[in-house]
């Protein structure tokens, strides 16, 4: 099935087929905005400079954090977290986050690489039908972005499992909140599963290197 057919019949986002080319700030003669800039436009400028720099990536962004990571209680929730590639619990977990801008098949994407003290969690983000789409492999989430100065809130409004659209009450979901100030950002990310509730939450202070 072609990418166009995939989008038409499944109504699911996919990154156009093609070799990834790391973005150097200029593409086909024009600056290609980040996914966040594409969606928010000048609304992004209402956020603190630290958040703007975080989400207006042209080449790459790298930051460090100490996060508190909490998994939901019980072996079932821990199994779901393990299957989902989510980080283990810990206090003051050192985290390195690297965001790299790329152009793939003519589409601007961002590769997010999170290192929780050696535990790696990767995802790819891009724009699709007014949503910020993030793929974690078998799970893909579509977020609505809400600018609430000095913060940015990410609200899950769509979900796909193995490329199949799922209603939110049946699909793994989550939420994110980023609050910026003059020196860095406070981050809180939560992941939930149907009937199980909280699977993992991580939060803490993130600063650009």
C-alpha atoms as a PDB file:
ATOM      1  CA  UNK A   1       0.000   0.000   0.000  1.00  0.00           C
ATOM      2  CA  UNK A   2       1.324   3.447  -0.890  1.00  0.00           C
ATOM      3  CA  UNK A   3       1.618   6.201   1.718  1.00  0.00           C
ATOM      4  CA  UNK A   4      -1.259   8.085   0.046  1.00  0.00           C
ATOM      5  CA  UNK A   5      -3.505   5.015   0.171  1.00  0.00           C
ATOM      6  CA  UNK A   6      -2.475   4.368   3.778  1.00  0.00           C
ATOM      7  CA  UNK A   7      -3.553   7.876   4.758  1.00  0.00           C
ATOM      8  CA  UNK A   8      -6.801   7.707   2.750  1.00  0.00           C
ATOM      9  CA  UNK A   9      -8.131   4.331   3.875  1.00  0.00           C
ATOM     10  CA  UNK A  10      -6.842   4.121   7.450  1.00  0.00           C
ATOM     11  CA  UNK A  11      -6.929   7.851   8.140  1.00  0.00           C
ATOM     12  CA  UNK A  12      -3.629   7.342   9.916  1.00  0.00           C
ATOM     13  CA  UNK A  13      -0.491   9.486   9.778  1.00  0.00           C
ATOM     14  CA  UNK A  14       2.672   8.150   8.202  1.00  0.00           C
ATOM     15  CA  UNK A  15       5.983   9.710   7.318  1.00  0.00           C
ATOM     16  CA  UNK A  16       6.339   9.678   3.534  1.00  0.00           C
ATOM     17  CA  UNK A  17       8.657   6.946   2.316  1.00  0.00           C
ATOM     18  CA  UNK A  18      12.162   8.178   1.653  1.00  0.00           C
ATOM     19  CA  UNK A  19      15.643   8.414   3.040  1.00  0.00           C
ATOM     20  CA  UNK A  20      16.043  10.690   6.060  1.00  0.00           C
ATOM     21  CA  UNK A  21      18.195  13.753   5.389  1.00  0.00           C
ATOM     22  CA  UNK A  22      19.415  15.593   8.471  1.00  0.00           C
ATOM     23  CA  UNK A  23      18.155  19.137   8.384  1.00  0.00           C
ATOM     24  CA  UNK A  24      20.742  21.910   8.153  1.00  0.00           C
ATOM     25  CA  UNK A  25      18.402  24.889   8.404  1.00  0.00           C
ATOM     26  CA  UNK A  26      17.851  25.321   4.649  1.00  0.00           C
ATOM     27  CA  UNK A  27      15.768  22.996   2.476  1.00  0.00           C
ATOM     28  CA  UNK A  28      14.870  23.653  -1.169  1.00  0.00           C
ATOM     29  CA  UNK A  29      15.892  27.255  -0.687  1.00  0.00           C
ATOM     30  CA  UNK A  30      13.587  27.968   2.242  1.00  0.00           C
ATOM     31  CA  UNK A  31      13.767  27.633   6.001  1.00  0.00           C
ATOM     32  CA  UNK A  32      11.607  24.687   7.047  1.00  0.00           C
ATOM     33  CA  UNK A  33       9.840  25.509  10.331  1.00  0.00           C
ATOM     34  CA  UNK A  34       9.822  23.051  13.201  1.00  0.00           C
ATOM     35  CA  UNK A  35       6.603  21.048  13.727  1.00  0.00           C
ATOM     36  CA  UNK A  36       5.735  23.272  16.701  1.00  0.00           C
ATOM     37  CA  UNK A  37       6.262  26.467  14.693  1.00  0.00           C
ATOM     38  CA  UNK A  38       4.151  25.062  11.855  1.00  0.00           C
ATOM     39  CA  UNK A  39       1.263  24.386  14.229  1.00  0.00           C
ATOM     40  CA  UNK A  40       1.506  27.397  16.536  1.00  0.00           C
ATOM     41  CA  UNK A  41       2.854  30.128  14.269  1.00  0.00           C
ATOM     42  CA  UNK A  42       3.274  33.405  16.139  1.00  0.00           C
ATOM     43  CA  UNK A  43       1.551  31.868  19.188  1.00  0.00           C
ATOM     44  CA  UNK A  44       4.881  30.177  19.916  1.00  0.00           C
ATOM     45  CA  UNK A  45       6.370  33.641  20.512  1.00  0.00           C
ATOM     46  CA  UNK A  46       4.106  34.109  23.538  1.00  0.00           C
ATOM     47  CA  UNK A  47       6.140  31.507  25.419  1.00  0.00           C
ATOM     48  CA  UNK A  48       9.341  32.188  27.404  1.00  0.00           C
ATOM     49  CA  UNK A  49      12.565  32.211  25.385  1.00  0.00           C
ATOM     50  CA  UNK A  50      13.628  28.857  26.856  1.00  0.00           C
ATOM     51  CA  UNK A  51      10.511  27.123  25.512  1.00  0.00           C
ATOM     52  CA  UNK A  52      10.773  28.907  22.167  1.00  0.00           C
ATOM     53  CA  UNK A  53      14.354  27.704  21.746  1.00  0.00           C
ATOM     54  CA  UNK A  54      13.270  24.184  22.730  1.00  0.00           C
ATOM     55  CA  UNK A  55      10.547  24.014  20.080  1.00  0.00           C
ATOM     56  CA  UNK A  56      12.008  26.148  17.289  1.00  0.00           C
ATOM     57  CA  UNK A  57      14.775  23.644  16.516  1.00  0.00           C
ATOM     58  CA  UNK A  58      16.549  24.065  13.163  1.00  0.00           C
ATOM     59  CA  UNK A  59      19.366  21.559  13.592  1.00  0.00           C
ATOM     60  CA  UNK A  60      19.481  20.120  17.109  1.00  0.00           C
ATOM     61  CA  UNK A  61      18.730  20.858  20.753  1.00  0.00           C
ATOM     62  CA  UNK A  62      20.254  19.089  23.751  1.00  0.00           C
ATOM     63  CA  UNK A  63      19.300  19.363  27.389  1.00  0.00           C
ATOM     64  CA  UNK A  64      19.909  17.789  30.786  1.00  0.00           C
ATOM     65  CA  UNK A  65      17.518  17.073  33.619  1.00  0.00           C
ATOM     66  CA  UNK A  66      17.006  15.321  36.917  1.00  0.00           C
ATOM     67  CA  UNK A  67      13.619  13.619  36.768  1.00  0.00           C
ATOM     68  CA  UNK A  68      11.481  11.837  39.287  1.00  0.00           C
ATOM     69  CA  UNK A  69      10.044   8.800  37.512  1.00  0.00           C
ATOM     70  CA  UNK A  70       7.047   6.996  39.017  1.00  0.00           C
ATOM     71  CA  UNK A  71       5.418   3.887  37.594  1.00  0.00           C
ATOM     72  CA  UNK A  72       1.886   2.808  38.411  1.00  0.00           C
ATOM     73  CA  UNK A  73       1.608   0.235  41.177  1.00  0.00           C
ATOM     74  CA  UNK A  74       1.319  -3.480  40.506  1.00  0.00           C
ATOM     75  CA  UNK A  75       2.917  -6.006  38.194  1.00  0.00           C
ATOM     76  CA  UNK A  76       0.347  -5.489  35.413  1.00  0.00           C
ATOM     77  CA  UNK A  77       1.140  -1.774  35.123  1.00  0.00           C
ATOM     78  CA  UNK A  78       4.856  -2.508  35.290  1.00  0.00           C
ATOM     79  CA  UNK A  79       4.469  -5.073  32.512  1.00  0.00           C
ATOM     80  CA  UNK A  80       2.596  -2.556  30.354  1.00  0.00           C
ATOM     81  CA  UNK A  81       5.318   0.034  31.023  1.00  0.00           C
ATOM     82  CA  UNK A  82       8.012  -2.471  30.053  1.00  0.00           C
ATOM     83  CA  UNK A  83       6.157  -3.474  26.869  1.00  0.00           C
ATOM     84  CA  UNK A  84       5.706   0.207  26.033  1.00  0.00           C
ATOM     85  CA  UNK A  85       9.399   0.960  26.431  1.00  0.00           C
ATOM     86  CA  UNK A  86       8.788   3.380  29.302  1.00  0.00           C
ATOM     87  CA  UNK A  87      11.479   4.216  31.880  1.00  0.00           C
ATOM     88  CA  UNK A  88      11.731   2.503  35.289  1.00  0.00           C
ATOM     89  CA  UNK A  89      10.988   4.297  38.542  1.00  0.00           C
ATOM     90  CA  UNK A  90      13.658   6.381  40.209  1.00  0.00           C
ATOM     91  CA  UNK A  91      14.405   9.551  42.159  1.00  0.00           C
ATOM     92  CA  UNK A  92      16.691  12.206  40.673  1.00  0.00           C
ATOM     93  CA  UNK A  93      17.235  10.186  37.501  1.00  0.00           C
ATOM     94  CA  UNK A  94      19.790  11.931  35.236  1.00  0.00           C
ATOM     95  CA  UNK A  95      18.253  12.477  31.804  1.00  0.00           C
ATOM     96  CA  UNK A  96      19.742  13.663  28.528  1.00  0.00           C
ATOM     97  CA  UNK A  97      17.300  14.775  25.830  1.00  0.00           C
ATOM     98  CA  UNK A  98      18.428  15.332  22.239  1.00  0.00           C
ATOM     99  CA  UNK A  99      16.052  16.704  19.578  1.00  0.00           C
ATOM    100  CA  UNK A 100      17.295  16.579  15.984  1.00  0.00           C
ATOM    101  CA  UNK A 101      15.573  18.258  13.044  1.00  0.00           C
ATOM    102  CA  UNK A 102      15.361  16.199   9.848  1.00  0.00           C
ATOM    103  CA  UNK A 103      13.622  16.120   6.483  1.00  0.00           C
ATOM    104  CA  UNK A 104      12.171  12.737   5.555  1.00  0.00           C
ATOM    105  CA  UNK A 105      10.409  12.213   2.247  1.00  0.00           C
ATOM    106  CA  UNK A 106       9.858  15.977   1.958  1.00  0.00           C
ATOM    107  CA  UNK A 107       8.329  16.236   5.434  1.00  0.00           C
ATOM    108  CA  UNK A 108       9.952  18.058   8.360  1.00  0.00           C
ATOM    109  CA  UNK A 109      10.311  15.767  11.373  1.00  0.00           C
ATOM    110  CA  UNK A 110      12.039  15.810  14.743  1.00  0.00           C
ATOM    111  CA  UNK A 111      13.805  12.834  16.253  1.00  0.00           C
ATOM    112  CA  UNK A 112      13.596  12.801  20.064  1.00  0.00           C
ATOM    113  CA  UNK A 113      16.128  10.693  21.941  1.00  0.00           C
ATOM    114  CA  UNK A 114      15.657  10.456  25.715  1.00  0.00           C
ATOM    115  CA  UNK A 115      18.339   8.818  27.848  1.00  0.00           C
ATOM    116  CA  UNK A 116      17.143   8.031  31.389  1.00  0.00           C
ATOM    117  CA  UNK A 117      20.471   7.098  32.985  1.00  0.00           C
ATOM    118  CA  UNK A 118      21.113   4.520  30.247  1.00  0.00           C
ATOM    119  CA  UNK A 119      17.489   3.630  29.485  1.00  0.00           C
ATOM    120  CA  UNK A 120      16.729   4.916  25.975  1.00  0.00           C
ATOM    121  CA  UNK A 121      13.323   6.068  24.765  1.00  0.00           C
ATOM    122  CA  UNK A 122      13.038   7.316  21.181  1.00  0.00           C
ATOM    123  CA  UNK A 123      10.229   8.869  19.181  1.00  0.00           C
ATOM    124  CA  UNK A 124       9.600  10.809  15.974  1.00  0.00           C
ATOM    125  CA  UNK A 125       7.371  13.895  15.733  1.00  0.00           C
ATOM    126  CA  UNK A 126       5.767  15.585  12.724  1.00  0.00           C
ATOM    127  CA  UNK A 127       2.662  17.534  11.677  1.00  0.00           C
ATOM    128  CA  UNK A 128      -0.445  15.808  10.308  1.00  0.00           C
ATOM    129  CA  UNK A 129      -3.880  17.387   9.812  1.00  0.00           C
ATOM    130  CA  UNK A 130      -3.382  20.071  12.438  1.00  0.00           C
ATOM    131  CA  UNK A 131      -1.957  17.680  15.032  1.00  0.00           C
ATOM    132  CA  UNK A 132       1.499  17.110  16.427  1.00  0.00           C
ATOM    133  CA  UNK A 133       1.952  13.400  15.782  1.00  0.00           C
ATOM    134  CA  UNK A 134       4.443  11.379  17.811  1.00  0.00           C
ATOM    135  CA  UNK A 135       5.347   7.794  16.945  1.00  0.00           C
ATOM    136  CA  UNK A 136       6.870   5.463  19.529  1.00  0.00           C
ATOM    137  CA  UNK A 137       6.923   2.493  17.158  1.00  0.00           C
ATOM    138  CA  UNK A 138       3.716   0.481  17.513  1.00  0.00           C
ATOM    139  CA  UNK A 139       1.969   3.384  19.294  1.00  0.00           C
ATOM    140  CA  UNK A 140       1.306   6.748  17.630  1.00  0.00           C
ATOM    141  CA  UNK A 141      -0.355   9.677  19.400  1.00  0.00           C
ATOM    142  CA  UNK A 142      -1.816  12.889  17.985  1.00  0.00           C
ATOM    143  CA  UNK A 143      -1.631  15.963  20.237  1.00  0.00           C
ATOM    144  CA  UNK A 144      -3.437  19.280  20.284  1.00  0.00           C
ATOM    145  CA  UNK A 145      -1.071  22.039  21.414  1.00  0.00           C
ATOM    146  CA  UNK A 146      -2.356  24.681  23.834  1.00  0.00           C
ATOM    147  CA  UNK A 147      -0.302  27.806  24.535  1.00  0.00           C
ATOM    148  CA  UNK A 148      -0.979  28.820  28.150  1.00  0.00           C
ATOM    149  CA  UNK A 149       1.838  31.280  29.019  1.00  0.00           C
ATOM    150  CA  UNK A 150       4.275  30.620  30.533  1.00  0.00           C
ATOM    151  CA  UNK A 151       3.470  27.038  29.589  1.00  0.00           C
ATOM    152  CA  UNK A 152       2.613  24.701  26.732  1.00  0.00           C
ATOM    153  CA  UNK A 153       0.124  21.890  27.264  1.00  0.00           C
ATOM    154  CA  UNK A 154      -0.063  18.811  25.035  1.00  0.00           C
ATOM    155  CA  UNK A 155      -3.456  17.110  24.937  1.00  0.00           C
ATOM    156  CA  UNK A 156      -3.866  13.710  23.280  1.00  0.00           C
ATOM    157  CA  UNK A 157      -6.794  13.752  20.844  1.00  0.00           C
ATOM    158  CA  UNK A 158      -6.012  10.795  18.537  1.00  0.00           C
ATOM    159  CA  UNK A 159      -4.335   7.417  18.907  1.00  0.00           C
ATOM    160  CA  UNK A 160      -3.219   4.640  16.558  1.00  0.00           C
ATOM    161  CA  UNK A 161      -2.018   1.188  17.563  1.00  0.00           C
ATOM    162  CA  UNK A 162       0.053  -0.583  14.892  1.00  0.00           C
ATOM    163  CA  UNK A 163      -1.290   2.001  12.434  1.00  0.00           C
ATOM    164  CA  UNK A 164      -4.950   1.282  13.243  1.00  0.00           C
ATOM    165  CA  UNK A 165      -7.069   4.184  14.594  1.00  0.00           C
ATOM    166  CA  UNK A 166      -8.220   3.495  18.145  1.00  0.00           C
ATOM    167  CA  UNK A 167     -10.831   5.363  20.209  1.00  0.00           C
ATOM    168  CA  UNK A 168      -9.140   7.093  23.102  1.00  0.00           C
ATOM    169  CA  UNK A 169     -11.038   5.095  25.726  1.00  0.00           C
ATOM    170  CA  UNK A 170      -9.435   1.912  24.339  1.00  0.00           C
ATOM    171  CA  UNK A 171      -5.951   3.198  23.539  1.00  0.00           C
ATOM    172  CA  UNK A 172      -2.889   4.051  25.624  1.00  0.00           C
ATOM    173  CA  UNK A 173      -2.785   7.807  26.030  1.00  0.00           C
ATOM    174  CA  UNK A 174      -0.989  10.567  27.911  1.00  0.00           C
ATOM    175  CA  UNK A 175      -0.535  14.257  28.588  1.00  0.00           C
ATOM    176  CA  UNK A 176       2.315  16.708  28.867  1.00  0.00           C
ATOM    177  CA  UNK A 177       2.930  20.104  30.445  1.00  0.00           C
ATOM    178  CA  UNK A 178       5.976  22.328  29.933  1.00  0.00           C
ATOM    179  CA  UNK A 179       6.376  25.557  31.921  1.00  0.00           C
ATOM    180  CA  UNK A 180       9.265  27.824  31.003  1.00  0.00           C
ATOM    181  CA  UNK A 181      11.099  30.626  32.778  1.00  0.00           C
ATOM    182  CA  UNK A 182      14.253  32.644  32.146  1.00  0.00           C
ATOM    183  CA  UNK A 183      16.573  29.759  32.973  1.00  0.00           C
ATOM    184  CA  UNK A 184      14.902  26.514  31.926  1.00  0.00           C
ATOM    185  CA  UNK A 185      11.703  24.476  31.988  1.00  0.00           C
ATOM    186  CA  UNK A 186       9.660  22.389  34.370  1.00  0.00           C
ATOM    187  CA  UNK A 187       8.391  19.262  32.629  1.00  0.00           C
ATOM    188  CA  UNK A 188       5.662  16.793  33.547  1.00  0.00           C
ATOM    189  CA  UNK A 189       4.717  13.869  31.289  1.00  0.00           C
ATOM    190  CA  UNK A 190       2.174  11.166  32.155  1.00  0.00           C
ATOM    191  CA  UNK A 191       1.166   7.965  30.349  1.00  0.00           C
ATOM    192  CA  UNK A 192      -2.068   6.078  30.968  1.00  0.00           C
ATOM    193  CA  UNK A 193      -3.658   2.815  29.834  1.00  0.00           C
ATOM    194  CA  UNK A 194      -7.351   1.876  29.603  1.00  0.00           C
ATOM    195  CA  UNK A 195      -8.768   0.458  32.852  1.00  0.00           C
ATOM    196  CA  UNK A 196      -5.296   0.597  34.450  1.00  0.00           C
ATOM    197  CA  UNK A 197      -4.857   4.328  34.881  1.00  0.00           C
ATOM    198  CA  UNK A 198      -1.367   5.696  35.418  1.00  0.00           C
ATOM    199  CA  UNK A 199       1.434   3.668  33.833  1.00  0.00           C
ATOM    200  CA  UNK A 200       4.303   6.117  34.288  1.00  0.00           C
ATOM    201  CA  UNK A 201       4.879   9.779  35.131  1.00  0.00           C
ATOM    202  CA  UNK A 202       8.146  11.665  34.938  1.00  0.00           C
ATOM    203  CA  UNK A 203       8.729  15.244  35.966  1.00  0.00           C
ATOM    204  CA  UNK A 204      11.517  17.629  36.803  1.00  0.00           C
ATOM    205  CA  UNK A 205      13.681  20.502  35.681  1.00  0.00           C
ATOM    206  CA  UNK A 206      15.062  20.523  32.119  1.00  0.00           C
ATOM    207  CA  UNK A 207      17.851  22.904  31.095  1.00  0.00           C
ATOM    208  CA  UNK A 208      19.569  23.402  27.759  1.00  0.00           C
ATOM    209  CA  UNK A 209      23.226  22.372  27.720  1.00  0.00           C
END
